[in-house]
Amino acid sequence: QVQLVESGGGLVQPGGSLRLSCAASGRIFSINVMGWYRQAPGKEREWVASITGGGNTNYADSVKGRFTISMDNAQNTVYLQMNSLKTEDTAVYYCHCNARSPTTMIYWGKGTEVTVSS
């Protein structure tokens, strides 16, 4: 079993920055992919960014050039640096993890709220 704990959400003005963190703990054999989804009020959950255990990254077009995902493999922690935030980035951000523990499963965090407002 793997547990994911997110932190770093909050209220920020448009143009500002936030850094989200997600720490994975438990019986982890290896991590295949970690990343972030978000769900805005009244909308479906959407993928934001992901990073493989080898460091390959991918981003949704809506955040490309503004968000940076990174991972500390030793700490099983993924980060999302969010710059130039827009009001449309307001959402609950969920961490996800595809890990072998020992079977390969997908795990989700409980979410951290990001509000971009003046």
C-alpha atoms as a PDB file:
ATOM      1  CA  GLN A   1       0.000   0.000   0.000  1.00  0.00           C
ATOM      2  CA  VAL A   2       1.207   3.487  -0.885  1.00  0.00           C
ATOM      3  CA  GLN A   3       0.108   6.739   0.731  1.00  0.00           C
ATOM      4  CA  LEU A   4       0.372  10.125  -0.966  1.00  0.00           C
ATOM      5  CA  VAL A   5       0.398  13.366   1.000  1.00  0.00           C
ATOM      6  CA  GLU A   6       0.166  16.675  -0.858  1.00  0.00           C
ATOM      7  CA  SER A   7       1.061  20.105   0.444  1.00  0.00           C
ATOM      8  CA  GLY A   8       1.667  23.623  -0.799  1.00  0.00           C
ATOM      9  CA  GLY A   9      -1.731  24.782  -1.958  1.00  0.00           C
ATOM     10  CA  GLY A  10      -3.183  28.148  -1.038  1.00  0.00           C
ATOM     11  CA  LEU A  11      -4.389  31.512  -2.239  1.00  0.00           C
ATOM     12  CA  VAL A  12      -2.252  33.484  -4.672  1.00  0.00           C
ATOM     13  CA  GLN A  13      -2.782  36.499  -6.893  1.00  0.00           C
ATOM     14  CA  PRO A  14      -2.737  36.223 -10.676  1.00  0.00           C
ATOM     15  CA  GLY A  15       0.837  36.194 -11.907  1.00  0.00           C
ATOM     16  CA  GLY A  16       2.067  34.677  -8.675  1.00  0.00           C
ATOM     17  CA  SER A  17       3.737  31.348  -7.934  1.00  0.00           C
ATOM     18  CA  LEU A  18       3.143  28.298  -5.793  1.00  0.00           C
ATOM     19  CA  ARG A  19       5.017  25.061  -5.290  1.00  0.00           C
ATOM     20  CA  LEU A  20       3.122  21.857  -4.640  1.00  0.00           C
ATOM     21  CA  SER A  21       4.714  18.796  -3.076  1.00  0.00           C
ATOM     22  CA  CYS A  22       3.574  15.196  -2.917  1.00  0.00           C
ATOM     23  CA  ALA A  23       5.381  12.620  -0.811  1.00  0.00           C
ATOM     24  CA  ALA A  24       4.809   8.923  -1.392  1.00  0.00           C
ATOM     25  CA  SER A  25       5.324   6.514   1.475  1.00  0.00           C
ATOM     26  CA  GLY A  26       4.713   2.869   2.211  1.00  0.00           C
ATOM     27  CA  ARG A  27       5.975  -0.342   0.702  1.00  0.00           C
ATOM     28  CA  ILE A  28       7.309   1.023  -2.581  1.00  0.00           C
ATOM     29  CA  PHE A  29       9.359  -1.214  -4.807  1.00  0.00           C
ATOM     30  CA  SER A  30       9.664   1.271  -7.634  1.00  0.00           C
ATOM     31  CA  ILE A  31       7.870   4.294  -9.040  1.00  0.00           C
ATOM     32  CA  ASN A  32       6.962   4.279 -12.708  1.00  0.00           C
ATOM     33  CA  VAL A  33       5.244   7.657 -12.984  1.00  0.00           C
ATOM     34  CA  MET A  34       4.204  10.432 -10.635  1.00  0.00           C
ATOM     35  CA  GLY A  35       2.261  13.489 -11.531  1.00  0.00           C
ATOM     36  CA  TRP A  36      -0.625  15.871 -11.029  1.00  0.00           C
ATOM     37  CA  TYR A  37      -4.237  16.191 -12.081  1.00  0.00           C
ATOM     38  CA  ARG A  38      -6.597  19.010 -11.212  1.00  0.00           C
ATOM     39  CA  GLN A  39     -10.318  19.514 -10.931  1.00  0.00           C
ATOM     40  CA  ALA A  40     -11.873  22.953 -11.142  1.00  0.00           C
ATOM     41  CA  PRO A  41     -15.347  23.618  -9.734  1.00  0.00           C
ATOM     42  CA  GLY A  42     -17.984  22.160 -12.015  1.00  0.00           C
ATOM     43  CA  LYS A  43     -15.432  20.573 -14.347  1.00  0.00           C
ATOM     44  CA  GLU A  44     -13.971  17.137 -14.955  1.00  0.00           C
ATOM     45  CA  ARG A  45     -10.619  16.153 -13.518  1.00  0.00           C
ATOM     46  CA  GLU A  46      -7.847  16.877 -16.023  1.00  0.00           C
ATOM     47  CA  TRP A  47      -4.247  15.823 -16.328  1.00  0.00           C
ATOM     48  CA  VAL A  48      -1.658  18.553 -15.671  1.00  0.00           C
ATOM     49  CA  ALA A  49       1.820  17.060 -15.756  1.00  0.00           C
ATOM     50  CA  SER A  50       3.715  13.853 -15.147  1.00  0.00           C
ATOM     51  CA  ILE A  51       7.252  12.614 -14.692  1.00  0.00           C
ATOM     52  CA  THR A  52       8.647   9.114 -15.074  1.00  0.00           C
ATOM     53  CA  GLY A  53      11.083   7.466 -12.688  1.00  0.00           C
ATOM     54  CA  GLY A  54      13.725   8.155 -15.328  1.00  0.00           C
ATOM     55  CA  GLY A  55      12.956  11.861 -15.370  1.00  0.00           C
ATOM     56  CA  ASN A  56      10.960  12.225 -18.588  1.00  0.00           C
ATOM     57  CA  THR A  57       8.340  14.954 -18.242  1.00  0.00           C
ATOM     58  CA  ASN A  58       5.119  15.809 -20.015  1.00  0.00           C
ATOM     59  CA  TYR A  59       2.772  18.744 -19.636  1.00  0.00           C
ATOM     60  CA  ALA A  60      -0.724  19.696 -20.649  1.00  0.00           C
ATOM     61  CA  ASP A  61      -0.725  22.470 -23.239  1.00  0.00           C
ATOM     62  CA  SER A  62      -2.539  24.772 -20.820  1.00  0.00           C
ATOM     63  CA  VAL A  63       0.402  24.783 -18.384  1.00  0.00           C
ATOM     64  CA  LYS A  64       3.382  24.276 -20.687  1.00  0.00           C
ATOM     65  CA  GLY A  65       6.002  26.956 -20.127  1.00  0.00           C
ATOM     66  CA  ARG A  66       4.510  27.992 -16.795  1.00  0.00           C
ATOM     67  CA  PHE A  67       4.618  24.824 -14.673  1.00  0.00           C
ATOM     68  CA  THR A  68       7.627  22.623 -13.968  1.00  0.00           C
ATOM     69  CA  ILE A  69       7.414  19.105 -12.553  1.00  0.00           C
ATOM     70  CA  SER A  70      10.356  17.479 -10.817  1.00  0.00           C
ATOM     71  CA  MET A  71      10.992  14.466  -8.629  1.00  0.00           C
ATOM     72  CA  ASP A  72      13.313  13.585  -5.787  1.00  0.00           C
ATOM     73  CA  ASN A  73      13.725   9.849  -6.334  1.00  0.00           C
ATOM     74  CA  ALA A  74      15.455   9.312  -2.995  1.00  0.00           C
ATOM     75  CA  GLN A  75      12.511  10.857  -1.135  1.00  0.00           C
ATOM     76  CA  ASN A  76       9.772   9.547  -3.474  1.00  0.00           C
ATOM     77  CA  THR A  77       8.531  13.110  -3.690  1.00  0.00           C
ATOM     78  CA  VAL A  78       7.211  14.975  -6.702  1.00  0.00           C
ATOM     79  CA  TYR A  79       7.019  18.749  -6.963  1.00  0.00           C
ATOM     80  CA  LEU A  80       5.011  21.074  -9.173  1.00  0.00           C
ATOM     81  CA  GLN A  81       6.402  24.579  -9.490  1.00  0.00           C
ATOM     82  CA  MET A  82       3.616  26.790 -10.773  1.00  0.00           C
ATOM     83  CA  ASN A  83       4.549  30.229 -12.111  1.00  0.00           C
ATOM     84  CA  SER A  84       2.558  32.945 -13.870  1.00  0.00           C
ATOM     85  CA  LEU A  85      -0.616  31.586 -12.328  1.00  0.00           C
ATOM     86  CA  LYS A  86      -3.931  32.466 -13.917  1.00  0.00           C
ATOM     87  CA  THR A  87      -7.431  32.491 -12.466  1.00  0.00           C
ATOM     88  CA  GLU A  88      -8.216  29.473 -14.622  1.00  0.00           C
ATOM     89  CA  ASP A  89      -5.581  27.490 -12.713  1.00  0.00           C
ATOM     90  CA  THR A  90      -7.893  27.545  -9.696  1.00  0.00           C
ATOM     91  CA  ALA A  91      -8.657  23.931  -8.811  1.00  0.00           C
ATOM     92  CA  VAL A  92      -8.032  21.110  -6.401  1.00  0.00           C
ATOM     93  CA  TYR A  93      -4.744  19.520  -7.420  1.00  0.00           C
ATOM     94  CA  TYR A  94      -4.392  15.771  -6.974  1.00  0.00           C
ATOM     95  CA  CYS A  95      -1.159  13.843  -6.910  1.00  0.00           C
ATOM     96  CA  HIS A  96      -1.085  10.453  -8.595  1.00  0.00           C
ATOM     97  CA  CYS A  97       1.476   7.724  -8.510  1.00  0.00           C
ATOM     98  CA  ASN A  98       1.918   4.596 -10.607  1.00  0.00           C
ATOM     99  CA  ALA A  99       4.082   2.377  -8.443  1.00  0.00           C
ATOM    100  CA  ARG A 100       5.051  -1.231  -7.931  1.00  0.00           C
ATOM    101  CA  SER A 101       4.283  -2.202  -4.337  1.00  0.00           C
ATOM    102  CA  PRO A 102       4.824  -5.077  -5.269  1.00  0.00           C
ATOM    103  CA  THR A 103       1.978  -5.201  -7.806  1.00  0.00           C
ATOM    104  CA  THR A 104       1.674  -2.180 -10.068  1.00  0.00           C
ATOM    105  CA  MET A 105      -1.168   0.098  -9.040  1.00  0.00           C
ATOM    106  CA  ILE A 106      -2.236   3.714  -9.311  1.00  0.00           C
ATOM    107  CA  TYR A 107      -2.586   5.715  -6.135  1.00  0.00           C
ATOM    108  CA  TRP A 108      -4.168   9.119  -5.511  1.00  0.00           C
ATOM    109  CA  GLY A 109      -3.689  11.796  -2.908  1.00  0.00           C
ATOM    110  CA  LYS A 110      -6.578  13.601  -1.234  1.00  0.00           C
ATOM    111  CA  GLY A 111      -5.859  16.860  -3.040  1.00  0.00           C
ATOM    112  CA  THR A 112      -4.662  20.338  -2.210  1.00  0.00           C
ATOM    113  CA  GLU A 113      -6.609  23.442  -3.127  1.00  0.00           C
ATOM    114  CA  VAL A 114      -5.123  26.200  -5.253  1.00  0.00           C
ATOM    115  CA  THR A 115      -7.013  29.463  -5.597  1.00  0.00           C
ATOM    116  CA  VAL A 116      -5.789  32.176  -7.955  1.00  0.00           C
ATOM    117  CA  SER A 117      -7.643  35.388  -7.274  1.00  0.00           C
ATOM    118  CA  SER A 118      -7.044  39.083  -6.804  1.00  0.00           C
END
